[in-house]
């Protein structure tokens, strides 16, 4: 189910790329068409220029090119580019397109011409004519103009994908549409994840190696968070804040499965972590639900920020993990709305959290 959700999210991105590339191809053709029409009207050119037949061809090529290019960037290169710099992803995607474009254009033109000429000439003569025709086509300025324009589009698409990754899935679109330009109230689920024994680990490994460790851990836990439909709200040192809209977090116990999936992902790489750092990383977590105010903030550097008592309370819940020697604690307010299939709830009683006057009923969770 989680893999299917992830596949659907990726396909939505591919379809958006397909639509964007098709629109770009169609607008470019329409601009070229009316430019030629104007030249014909002022008698700088002679002849006619059929619209619908060529327009249909451009649209089909745009759809095919957008779909193939989108699948390549999202499914094939997405995970690789995430571990590289912005510049590498942008330049590499454009270079790959140029190489592929040249290879397909030369091979396609040659094969089509060869098949055509074989009906009217000998094999060697057909090969010679096909090569001459290929050389003629690739020497035209329009061939290279189209190649570089589409390579630029490929690089631009990769840039937008990387910017989207930088903000988090869907956040860039929220900035574009101004969804949170005016602050609004939303009921949200928050999870505060804190790396266990982080101070001791940092002292043991040193700051540079500890930073490398954090970078690898965050890379490993990203997939489980995405599969549980969570949104990474913030990285705060060795702490990660994950958020869900209520319906997504409650659906299939996503907000709870997320934590156990993260722990499992780290256990699966325990051999690597033991060899490289001499430890197996693990997290403690606090999870809570409540109303939060969300909106854009900042002038030079804009961000979408949540505020409200729910965040402070979730942080305090996470701090209780050490006191009770457990890995995860959830509030009763959240647990009342979850089906808890496949999990066992162990009550910790009503606890007075730091900074709160009222006590809050808390529980830890174990896999049944």
Protein backbone atom coordinates (compact mmCIF):
# COMPACT_ATOMS: atom_id res chain seq x y z
CA UNK A 1 0.00 0.00 0.00
CA UNK A 2 2.81 2.41 0.94
CA UNK A 3 4.74 1.59 -2.23
CA UNK A 4 1.56 2.17 -4.23
CA UNK A 5 1.07 5.60 -2.59
CA UNK A 6 4.67 6.53 -3.37
CA UNK A 7 4.23 5.38 -6.98
CA UNK A 8 1.06 7.46 -7.33
CA UNK A 9 2.83 10.57 -5.99
CA UNK A 10 5.67 10.10 -8.47
CA UNK A 11 3.26 9.56 -11.36
CA UNK A 12 1.49 12.82 -10.47
CA UNK A 13 4.83 14.61 -10.85
CA UNK A 14 5.44 12.83 -14.18
CA UNK A 15 2.02 13.88 -15.47
CA UNK A 16 2.69 17.49 -14.39
CA UNK A 17 5.99 17.41 -16.32
CA UNK A 18 4.21 15.91 -19.34
CA UNK A 19 1.59 18.67 -19.27
CA UNK A 20 4.24 21.38 -18.88
CA UNK A 21 6.42 20.09 -21.72
CA UNK A 22 3.41 19.65 -24.01
CA UNK A 23 2.26 23.23 -23.35
CA UNK A 24 5.80 24.48 -23.99
CA UNK A 25 5.95 22.58 -27.32
CA UNK A 26 2.53 23.85 -28.40
CA UNK A 27 3.25 27.49 -27.47
CA UNK A 28 6.62 27.34 -29.27
CA UNK A 29 4.95 25.96 -32.39
CA UNK A 30 2.16 28.58 -32.35
CA UNK A 31 4.75 31.36 -31.98
CA UNK A 32 6.76 29.95 -34.90
CA UNK A 33 3.62 29.49 -37.00
CA UNK A 34 2.45 33.10 -36.68
CA UNK A 35 5.99 34.36 -37.25
CA UNK A 36 6.11 32.49 -40.57
CA UNK A 37 2.58 33.68 -41.40
CA UNK A 38 3.69 37.26 -40.85
CA UNK A 39 6.67 36.76 -43.18
CA UNK A 40 4.36 35.32 -45.82
CA UNK A 41 1.93 38.24 -45.35
CA UNK A 42 4.65 40.84 -45.94
CA UNK A 43 5.93 38.74 -48.87
CA UNK A 44 9.30 37.94 -47.33
CA UNK A 45 8.41 34.25 -47.77
CA UNK A 46 6.31 32.43 -50.34
CA UNK A 47 4.14 29.36 -49.89
CA UNK A 48 1.73 28.09 -47.26
CA UNK A 49 2.04 26.70 -43.74
CA UNK A 50 -0.54 24.13 -42.65
CA UNK A 51 -1.42 24.48 -38.97
CA UNK A 52 -3.43 21.54 -37.62
CA UNK A 53 -1.41 18.70 -39.09
CA UNK A 54 1.90 20.03 -37.78
CA UNK A 55 0.29 21.16 -34.50
CA UNK A 56 -1.01 17.65 -33.87
CA UNK A 57 2.45 16.23 -34.52
CA UNK A 58 4.07 18.70 -32.12
CA UNK A 59 1.49 17.90 -29.44
CA UNK A 60 2.11 14.14 -29.77
CA UNK A 61 5.87 14.66 -29.57
CA UNK A 62 5.41 16.91 -26.54
CA UNK A 63 3.30 14.29 -24.74
CA UNK A 64 5.70 11.45 -25.54
CA UNK A 65 8.81 13.53 -24.77
CA UNK A 66 7.33 14.89 -21.52
CA UNK A 67 6.26 11.46 -20.31
CA UNK A 68 9.58 9.76 -21.16
CA UNK A 69 11.63 12.68 -19.80
CA UNK A 70 9.49 12.90 -16.66
CA UNK A 71 9.80 9.17 -15.96
CA UNK A 72 13.57 9.40 -16.46
CA UNK A 73 13.99 12.34 -14.06
CA UNK A 74 11.55 11.14 -11.40
CA UNK A 75 12.04 7.36 -11.37
CA UNK A 76 15.56 6.87 -12.72
CA UNK A 77 17.56 9.91 -11.63
CA UNK A 78 15.53 11.35 -8.74
CA UNK A 79 17.22 9.41 -5.92
CA UNK A 80 20.68 9.89 -7.48
CA UNK A 81 20.37 13.66 -7.89
CA UNK A 82 19.14 14.06 -4.29
CA UNK A 83 22.60 13.04 -3.11
CA UNK A 84 24.37 15.48 -5.46
CA UNK A 85 24.69 19.24 -5.61
CA UNK A 86 22.15 21.44 -7.42
CA UNK A 87 24.68 22.26 -10.14
CA UNK A 88 25.47 18.59 -10.80
CA UNK A 89 21.81 17.64 -11.24
CA UNK A 90 21.02 20.58 -13.52
CA UNK A 91 24.09 20.26 -15.77
CA UNK A 92 24.05 16.46 -15.81
CA UNK A 93 20.40 16.23 -16.85
CA UNK A 94 20.95 18.73 -19.70
CA UNK A 95 24.09 16.91 -20.87
CA UNK A 96 22.35 13.53 -20.82
CA UNK A 97 19.52 15.01 -22.89
CA UNK A 98 21.95 16.41 -25.50
CA UNK A 99 23.74 13.07 -25.85
CA UNK A 100 20.44 11.17 -26.05
CA UNK A 101 18.97 13.70 -28.49
CA UNK A 102 21.96 13.43 -30.82
CA UNK A 103 22.03 9.63 -30.64
CA UNK A 104 18.29 9.22 -31.28
CA UNK A 105 18.18 11.91 -33.98
CA UNK A 106 21.13 10.50 -35.92
CA UNK A 107 20.00 6.88 -35.54
CA UNK A 108 16.35 7.71 -36.28
CA UNK A 109 17.07 9.81 -39.36
CA UNK A 110 19.53 7.25 -40.68
CA UNK A 111 17.20 4.27 -40.22
CA UNK A 112 14.16 6.04 -41.70
CA UNK A 113 16.15 7.27 -44.71
CA UNK A 114 17.78 3.88 -45.22
CA UNK A 115 14.40 2.12 -45.30
CA UNK A 116 13.10 4.72 -47.77
CA UNK A 117 16.11 4.61 -50.12
CA UNK A 118 16.30 0.80 -50.14
CA UNK A 119 13.15 0.78 -52.24
CA UNK A 120 14.79 2.84 -55.01
CA UNK A 121 18.56 2.12 -54.77
CA UNK A 122 21.13 -0.54 -53.94
CA UNK A 123 22.18 -1.11 -50.33
CA UNK A 124 25.50 0.80 -50.52
CA UNK A 125 23.86 3.65 -52.42
CA UNK A 126 21.03 3.80 -49.84
CA UNK A 127 23.56 3.91 -46.98
CA UNK A 128 25.49 6.72 -48.67
CA UNK A 129 22.33 8.77 -49.35
CA UNK A 130 21.12 8.20 -45.77
CA UNK A 131 24.43 9.42 -44.32
CA UNK A 132 24.37 12.52 -46.54
CA UNK A 133 20.81 13.29 -45.48
CA UNK A 134 21.72 12.89 -41.79
CA UNK A 135 24.70 15.24 -42.19
CA UNK A 136 22.51 17.76 -43.99
CA UNK A 137 19.91 17.75 -41.19
CA UNK A 138 22.31 18.02 -38.28
CA UNK A 139 24.15 20.92 -39.94
CA UNK A 140 21.03 23.08 -40.00
CA UNK A 141 20.88 25.80 -37.30
CA UNK A 142 17.35 24.76 -36.28
CA UNK A 143 18.59 21.27 -35.30
CA UNK A 144 20.97 22.64 -32.68
CA UNK A 145 18.60 25.41 -31.59
CA UNK A 146 15.90 22.84 -30.84
CA UNK A 147 18.42 20.60 -29.11
CA UNK A 148 19.68 23.31 -26.76
CA UNK A 149 16.20 24.72 -26.09
CA UNK A 150 14.94 21.30 -25.00
CA UNK A 151 18.13 20.61 -23.05
CA UNK A 152 17.51 23.89 -21.22
CA UNK A 153 13.93 22.76 -20.54
CA UNK A 154 15.24 19.43 -19.19
CA UNK A 155 17.69 21.24 -16.89
CA UNK A 156 14.99 23.69 -15.82
CA UNK A 157 12.67 20.82 -14.95
CA UNK A 158 15.40 19.18 -12.89
CA UNK A 159 16.02 22.50 -11.12
CA UNK A 160 12.33 22.75 -10.16
CA UNK A 161 12.36 19.14 -8.92
CA UNK A 162 15.39 19.89 -6.74
CA UNK A 163 13.82 23.11 -5.43
CA UNK A 164 10.68 21.11 -4.63
CA UNK A 165 12.81 18.60 -2.72
CA UNK A 166 14.48 21.46 -0.88
CA UNK A 167 11.14 22.82 0.37
CA UNK A 168 9.49 19.40 0.68
CA UNK A 169 6.82 17.73 -1.46
CA UNK A 170 3.96 20.10 -2.27
CA UNK A 171 5.45 23.09 -0.39
CA UNK A 172 6.69 24.88 -3.53
CA UNK A 173 3.17 24.70 -4.99
CA UNK A 174 1.78 26.18 -1.77
CA UNK A 175 4.18 29.11 -2.12
CA UNK A 176 3.21 29.59 -5.78
CA UNK A 177 -0.54 29.53 -5.09
CA UNK A 178 -0.20 31.62 -1.91
CA UNK A 179 -2.12 29.07 0.14
CA UNK A 180 -0.55 30.26 3.38
CA UNK A 181 0.07 33.90 2.46
CA UNK A 182 -2.61 34.73 5.02
CA UNK A 183 -2.25 32.71 8.27
CA UNK A 184 -4.84 30.03 8.83
CA UNK A 185 -5.76 27.47 11.47
CA UNK A 186 -5.22 23.78 10.73
CA UNK A 187 -5.60 20.66 12.83
CA UNK A 188 -2.33 18.78 12.51
CA UNK A 189 -0.46 15.78 13.86
CA UNK A 190 3.14 16.42 14.87
CA UNK A 191 5.95 13.99 15.63
CA UNK A 192 9.15 15.17 17.30
CA UNK A 193 11.97 12.70 16.59
CA UNK A 194 15.13 12.99 18.68
CA UNK A 195 18.29 10.95 18.13
CA UNK A 196 19.10 8.91 21.24
CA UNK A 197 22.34 9.66 23.08
CA UNK A 198 23.25 12.31 20.54
CA UNK A 199 25.52 14.25 22.92
CA UNK A 200 27.57 11.15 23.75
CA UNK A 201 27.75 10.19 20.07
CA UNK A 202 28.95 13.67 19.08
CA UNK A 203 31.68 13.59 21.76
CA UNK A 204 32.78 10.14 20.64
CA UNK A 205 32.82 10.74 16.87
CA UNK A 206 33.77 14.44 16.65
CA UNK A 207 31.73 17.20 15.03
CA UNK A 208 32.60 16.46 11.38
CA UNK A 209 31.91 12.74 11.60
CA UNK A 210 28.78 13.39 13.66
CA UNK A 211 27.49 15.71 10.95
CA UNK A 212 28.16 13.02 8.34
CA UNK A 213 26.30 10.53 10.54
CA UNK A 214 23.28 12.86 10.79
CA UNK A 215 23.31 13.36 7.03
CA UNK A 216 23.21 9.59 6.44
CA UNK A 217 20.55 8.99 9.07
CA UNK A 218 18.32 11.71 7.63
CA UNK A 219 18.76 10.21 4.16
CA UNK A 220 17.71 6.77 5.49
CA UNK A 221 14.62 8.00 7.33
CA UNK A 222 13.31 10.13 4.45
CA UNK A 223 11.80 7.18 2.59
CA UNK A 224 9.77 5.90 5.58
CA UNK A 225 8.47 9.42 6.25
CA UNK A 226 7.46 9.88 2.61
CA UNK A 227 5.84 6.43 2.50
CA UNK A 228 3.73 7.35 5.53
CA UNK A 229 2.64 10.56 3.74
CA UNK A 230 4.40 12.71 6.31
CA UNK A 231 5.91 16.14 5.71
CA UNK A 232 9.36 16.95 7.09
CA UNK A 233 8.73 20.30 8.75
CA UNK A 234 12.13 21.01 10.27
CA UNK A 235 15.58 19.64 10.97
CA UNK A 236 16.76 21.08 14.29
CA UNK A 237 20.23 19.71 14.95
CA UNK A 238 19.71 16.06 15.86
CA UNK A 239 15.94 16.46 15.95
CA UNK A 240 13.43 16.06 13.12
CA UNK A 241 9.89 17.44 13.20
CA UNK A 242 7.37 15.59 11.02
CA UNK A 243 3.83 16.76 10.36
CA UNK A 244 0.65 15.34 8.85
CA UNK A 245 -2.73 16.79 7.91
CA UNK A 246 -5.08 14.88 10.22
CA UNK A 247 -6.74 12.73 7.57
CA UNK A 248 -3.38 11.58 6.16
CA UNK A 249 -1.83 10.95 9.56
CA UNK A 250 -4.75 8.89 10.85
CA UNK A 251 -5.29 6.94 7.62
CA UNK A 252 -3.83 3.47 8.09
CA UNK A 253 -2.13 4.65 11.32
CA UNK A 254 0.42 6.51 9.16
CA UNK A 255 1.74 8.69 11.97
CA UNK A 256 2.44 5.60 14.10
CA UNK A 257 3.72 3.33 11.33
CA UNK A 258 6.14 6.10 10.37
CA UNK A 259 8.08 5.72 13.63
CA UNK A 260 8.36 1.92 13.44
CA UNK A 261 9.32 2.12 9.74
CA UNK A 262 12.10 4.56 10.63
CA UNK A 263 13.41 2.23 13.33
CA UNK A 264 13.26 -0.70 10.90
CA UNK A 265 15.11 1.24 8.18
CA UNK A 266 17.95 1.99 10.60
CA UNK A 267 18.11 -1.62 11.84
CA UNK A 268 18.37 -2.85 8.25
CA UNK A 269 21.56 -0.78 7.89
CA UNK A 270 22.97 -1.67 11.32
CA UNK A 271 25.95 -3.50 9.82
CA UNK A 272 27.01 -0.35 7.95
CA UNK A 273 26.55 1.93 10.96
CA UNK A 274 28.46 -0.45 13.23
CA UNK A 275 31.37 -0.68 10.80
CA UNK A 276 31.48 3.04 10.05
CA UNK A 277 30.52 4.62 13.40
CA UNK A 278 30.49 1.80 15.96
CA UNK A 279 26.81 2.26 16.84
CA UNK A 280 23.24 1.61 15.70
CA UNK A 281 21.28 4.89 15.64
CA UNK A 282 17.73 4.99 17.00
CA UNK A 283 15.14 7.63 17.82
CA UNK A 284 12.73 8.51 20.59
CA UNK A 285 9.50 10.23 19.58
CA UNK A 286 6.59 12.22 20.91
CA UNK A 287 3.36 12.41 18.89
CA UNK A 288 0.40 14.71 19.48
CA UNK A 289 -2.55 16.29 17.66
CA UNK A 290 -3.95 19.81 17.87
CA UNK A 291 -4.72 23.13 16.25
CA UNK A 292 -1.79 25.08 14.78
CA UNK A 293 -1.55 28.43 13.04
CA UNK A 294 0.31 28.13 9.74
CA UNK A 295 1.45 30.86 7.39
CA UNK A 296 4.31 32.35 5.39
CA UNK A 297 6.90 34.26 7.36
CA UNK A 298 10.06 36.19 6.45
CA UNK A 299 11.09 38.73 3.82
CA UNK A 300 14.57 37.82 2.53
CA UNK A 301 14.16 34.14 3.37
CA UNK A 302 10.56 32.99 3.33
CA UNK A 303 9.29 29.88 5.01
CA UNK A 304 5.98 28.26 5.93
CA UNK A 305 5.88 28.14 9.72
CA UNK A 306 3.61 26.43 12.25
CA UNK A 307 2.98 27.89 15.69
CA UNK A 308 0.77 26.94 18.59
CA UNK A 309 0.58 25.02 21.83
CA UNK A 310 0.50 21.69 19.96
CA UNK A 311 4.18 22.04 19.01
CA UNK A 312 5.31 22.88 22.56
CA UNK A 313 3.25 20.02 23.95
CA UNK A 314 4.63 17.52 21.43
CA UNK A 315 8.18 18.55 22.33
CA UNK A 316 7.43 18.05 26.03
CA UNK A 317 5.89 14.62 25.31
CA UNK A 318 9.07 13.57 23.53
CA UNK A 319 11.13 14.63 26.56
CA UNK A 320 9.16 12.15 28.69
CA UNK A 321 10.64 9.21 26.75
CA UNK A 322 13.85 9.26 28.83
CA UNK A 323 11.97 9.43 32.13
CA UNK A 324 9.87 6.39 31.29
CA UNK A 325 12.60 4.55 29.34
CA UNK A 326 10.44 4.10 26.21
CA UNK A 327 10.95 4.88 22.53
CA UNK A 328 7.64 6.52 21.67
CA UNK A 329 4.92 8.33 23.62
CA UNK A 330 1.56 9.45 22.19
CA UNK A 331 -1.15 11.62 23.68
CA UNK A 332 -4.55 10.17 24.58
CA UNK A 333 -6.20 12.84 22.39
CA UNK A 334 -4.53 11.31 19.34
CA UNK A 335 -4.91 7.67 20.40
CA UNK A 336 -8.68 8.07 20.81
CA UNK A 337 -8.95 8.75 17.08
CA UNK A 338 -6.72 5.89 15.91
CA UNK A 339 -7.87 2.29 15.26
CA UNK A 340 -4.57 0.87 16.67
CA UNK A 341 -4.80 -2.35 14.65
CA UNK A 342 -1.63 -4.39 15.17
CA UNK A 343 -0.38 -2.26 18.08
CA UNK A 344 -0.57 -2.46 21.86
CA UNK A 345 -1.13 0.63 23.99
CA UNK A 346 0.53 0.80 27.40
CA UNK A 347 -0.79 3.64 29.57
CA UNK A 348 1.73 5.82 31.40
CA UNK A 349 -1.01 7.63 33.31
CA UNK A 350 -1.72 11.34 33.52
CA UNK A 351 1.48 13.35 33.52
CA UNK A 352 2.07 17.02 34.21
CA UNK A 353 4.27 18.34 31.42
CA UNK A 354 6.70 21.20 31.85
CA UNK A 355 5.03 24.48 30.92
CA UNK A 356 1.47 23.08 31.17
CA UNK A 357 -0.92 23.47 34.07
CA UNK A 358 -3.22 20.59 33.14
CA UNK A 359 -2.09 16.98 33.20
CA UNK A 360 -2.12 14.99 29.96
CA UNK A 361 -2.84 11.27 29.61
CA UNK A 362 0.04 9.60 27.75
CA UNK A 363 0.75 6.11 26.46
CA UNK A 364 3.62 4.26 24.87
CA UNK A 365 3.06 1.92 21.93
CA UNK A 366 4.44 -1.50 21.11
CA UNK A 367 3.91 -3.65 18.06
CA UNK A 368 1.41 -6.39 18.97
